[in-house]
Amino acid sequence: FRHIKYHEGIVLKHSETGQELFLTHGHQADWWNYTFWRWSRFLVRVLWKPLNVMGIADPTSPAKNYKELIKVERRTKKWIAENNNLITIVGHTHRPRFPNPGDIAFFNDGSCVHPRSITGIEIENGEISLIKWQIATSDDGTLKIVRVMLEGPRKLIDYKTE
C-alpha cells in the first residue's frame, strides 16, 4: 500500500444535531505506544508475537495490564474533559465502556478478539448502543450468531457537549 494515507482519528458529524464524535484507536493515550511507536511495533512483531505463541503475554499491553489500562483511561478522560466533553469512542484497552448521560462522554468499543464474541459500538437513528455479537446454540442444537444489546440505545443528543 504505497502512498496510502492514514489518520490517527476521525471526526464524524451527526447530520441532524451537528454533534461531533471523535473516533480513534486509543494508542494516543498510551505513552509507550504513542511516543515510542517504532520500538513498540518492532517489539510486537519480533519479540512478543513469538512469545505469545508460547503462551507468554505482553506485560506492557493495557489490554492485559490493569495498571496500564487505568492510566490510559485516565488520560483519555482528561483529554475529553479538556475538549468540551467531545463524544469520544476508542479501543485499545479491550474494556467496553458506555457512560451515562452527564458523565464524561468516553466510550470504548471493547474487543473484536474474543474467541466466541465481539463487542462494538453501534450508532443508528441518532442513538448509540454497546452491542455484542456472539455464538449461541438454538433450540435444535445448531450454532448461530446473535446480537445482544449490552447498553443503550441512548440518544446522542443526551451527551451534550459544552
Protein backbone atom coordinates (compact mmCIF):
# COMPACT_ATOMS: atom_id res chain seq x y z
CA PHE A 1 0.00 0.00 0.00
CA ARG A 2 2.48 2.60 -1.13
CA HIS A 3 1.38 6.22 -0.76
CA ILE A 4 -1.58 5.25 1.43
CA LYS A 5 -2.75 8.00 3.75
CA TYR A 6 -3.97 7.14 7.23
CA HIS A 7 -5.19 9.22 10.12
CA GLU A 8 -4.88 8.68 13.86
CA GLY A 9 -8.54 9.50 14.30
CA ILE A 10 -11.64 10.64 12.53
CA VAL A 11 -14.41 13.08 13.45
CA LEU A 12 -17.95 12.19 12.47
CA LYS A 13 -20.65 14.86 12.45
CA HIS A 14 -24.29 13.95 13.02
CA SER A 15 -26.31 15.31 10.09
CA GLU A 16 -29.26 16.47 12.21
CA THR A 17 -27.84 17.54 15.58
CA GLY A 18 -24.42 18.71 14.37
CA GLN A 19 -22.79 16.78 17.21
CA GLU A 20 -19.23 15.68 16.62
CA LEU A 21 -17.92 12.25 17.57
CA PHE A 22 -14.19 11.60 17.74
CA LEU A 23 -13.12 8.03 16.90
CA THR A 24 -9.59 6.76 17.45
CA HIS A 25 -7.80 3.57 18.40
CA GLY A 26 -6.59 4.83 21.75
CA HIS A 27 -2.84 4.43 21.28
CA GLN A 28 -2.53 8.19 21.69
CA ALA A 29 -3.28 7.88 25.42
CA ASP A 30 -0.73 5.09 25.85
CA TRP A 31 2.60 6.85 26.40
CA TRP A 32 4.73 3.92 25.22
CA ASN A 33 2.74 3.29 22.05
CA TYR A 34 2.47 6.97 21.15
CA THR A 35 5.99 8.16 21.93
CA PHE A 36 7.95 5.04 21.02
CA TRP A 37 5.64 3.60 18.38
CA ARG A 38 8.54 2.43 16.17
CA TRP A 39 10.07 0.48 19.05
CA SER A 40 6.66 -0.83 20.05
CA ARG A 41 5.92 -2.04 16.54
CA PHE A 42 9.32 -3.74 16.36
CA LEU A 43 8.90 -5.42 19.75
CA VAL A 44 5.39 -6.64 18.95
CA ARG A 45 6.47 -8.12 15.63
CA VAL A 46 9.83 -9.55 16.65
CA LEU A 47 9.59 -10.28 20.37
CA TRP A 48 6.00 -10.52 21.62
CA LYS A 49 4.45 -12.36 18.71
CA PRO A 50 6.69 -15.45 19.12
CA LEU A 51 6.38 -15.23 22.94
CA ASN A 52 2.57 -15.06 22.67
CA VAL A 53 2.62 -18.24 20.60
CA MET A 54 4.45 -19.88 23.52
CA GLY A 55 1.81 -18.55 25.95
CA ILE A 56 3.68 -15.54 27.38
CA ALA A 57 1.59 -12.34 27.40
CA ASP A 58 2.90 -8.84 26.71
CA PRO A 59 3.01 -7.14 30.15
CA THR A 60 3.01 -3.64 28.64
CA SER A 61 -0.34 -4.03 26.87
CA PRO A 62 -3.22 -2.11 28.51
CA ALA A 63 -5.50 -4.95 27.46
CA LYS A 64 -3.55 -7.31 29.72
CA ASN A 65 -2.15 -4.97 32.38
CA TYR A 66 -4.76 -3.42 34.69
CA LYS A 67 -2.48 -0.58 35.88
CA GLU A 68 -1.73 0.44 32.28
CA LEU A 69 -5.43 0.20 31.41
CA ILE A 70 -6.32 2.61 34.23
CA LYS A 71 -3.58 5.06 33.14
CA VAL A 72 -4.78 5.04 29.52
CA GLU A 73 -8.41 5.54 30.56
CA ARG A 74 -7.46 8.36 32.96
CA ARG A 75 -5.50 10.18 30.24
CA THR A 76 -8.36 9.73 27.78
CA LYS A 77 -10.94 11.10 30.24
CA LYS A 78 -8.70 14.09 30.99
CA TRP A 79 -8.36 14.86 27.29
CA ILE A 80 -12.15 14.59 26.79
CA ALA A 81 -12.81 16.94 29.73
CA GLU A 82 -10.29 19.44 28.35
CA ASN A 83 -12.03 19.31 24.94
CA ASN A 84 -15.58 20.24 25.98
CA ASN A 85 -16.66 16.67 26.68
CA LEU A 86 -16.33 15.77 22.99
CA ILE A 87 -18.01 12.39 22.48
CA THR A 88 -15.04 10.06 22.11
CA ILE A 89 -15.03 6.41 21.04
CA VAL A 90 -11.79 4.47 21.44
CA GLY A 91 -10.44 0.98 21.56
CA HIS A 92 -7.05 -0.19 22.80
CA THR A 93 -7.86 -1.34 26.35
CA HIS A 94 -10.38 -4.00 25.26
CA ARG A 95 -12.66 -2.98 28.15
CA PRO A 96 -16.11 -1.87 26.98
CA ARG A 97 -17.29 1.47 28.38
CA PHE A 98 -20.69 3.07 27.98
CA PRO A 99 -21.18 6.20 30.09
CA ASN A 100 -24.44 7.58 31.41
CA PRO A 101 -25.55 10.96 30.04
CA GLY A 102 -23.93 13.67 32.14
CA ASP A 103 -20.75 11.62 32.68
CA ILE A 104 -17.58 12.13 30.65
CA ALA A 105 -18.53 11.02 27.11
CA PHE A 106 -15.90 8.28 26.92
CA PHE A 107 -16.99 5.15 25.05
CA ASN A 108 -14.84 2.08 24.46
CA ASP A 109 -15.98 -0.38 21.83
CA GLY A 110 -14.48 -3.32 23.70
CA SER A 111 -12.81 -6.04 21.71
CA CYS A 112 -13.04 -7.92 18.47
CA VAL A 113 -10.57 -10.60 19.53
CA HIS A 114 -12.64 -12.76 21.87
CA PRO A 115 -12.79 -16.39 20.70
CA ARG A 116 -16.59 -16.57 20.62
CA SER A 117 -17.80 -12.96 20.51
CA ILE A 118 -17.04 -9.37 19.61
CA THR A 119 -18.25 -6.17 21.21
CA GLY A 120 -18.75 -2.88 19.48
CA ILE A 121 -20.46 0.48 19.36
CA GLU A 122 -23.41 0.96 17.02
CA ILE A 123 -24.79 4.36 16.04
CA GLU A 124 -28.16 4.33 14.33
CA ASN A 125 -31.03 6.82 14.05
CA GLY A 126 -29.34 9.28 16.38
CA GLU A 127 -28.84 6.66 19.09
CA ILE A 128 -25.74 4.93 20.41
CA SER A 129 -25.52 1.38 21.79
CA LEU A 130 -22.94 -1.05 23.09
CA ILE A 131 -23.55 -4.44 21.49
CA LYS A 132 -22.10 -7.91 21.43
CA TRP A 133 -22.21 -10.43 18.59
CA GLN A 134 -21.77 -13.96 19.93
CA ILE A 135 -22.13 -17.60 19.04
CA ALA A 136 -25.22 -19.16 20.60
CA THR A 137 -26.95 -22.50 20.38
CA SER A 138 -30.51 -22.58 19.04
CA ASP A 139 -33.20 -24.91 20.43
CA ASP A 140 -32.41 -27.53 17.79
CA GLY A 141 -28.72 -27.58 18.74
CA THR A 142 -27.34 -25.63 15.77
CA LEU A 143 -24.96 -22.74 16.25
CA LYS A 144 -25.92 -19.24 15.20
CA ILE A 145 -24.63 -15.71 15.57
CA VAL A 146 -26.81 -13.48 17.75
CA ARG A 147 -26.74 -9.78 18.55
CA VAL A 148 -27.00 -8.90 22.24
CA MET A 149 -27.65 -5.35 23.42
CA LEU A 150 -25.33 -4.66 26.36
CA GLU A 151 -26.09 -0.95 26.91
CA GLY A 152 -28.42 1.55 25.30
CA PRO A 153 -29.72 2.60 22.98
CA ARG A 154 -29.37 6.17 24.22
CA LYS A 155 -29.90 9.33 22.22
CA LEU A 156 -26.66 11.00 21.16
CA ILE A 157 -28.20 14.38 21.97
CA ASP A 158 -28.26 13.32 25.65
CA TYR A 159 -24.44 13.54 25.58
CA LYS A 160 -24.36 17.30 25.15
CA THR A 161 -21.02 18.98 24.67
CA GLU A 162 -20.30 22.31 26.30
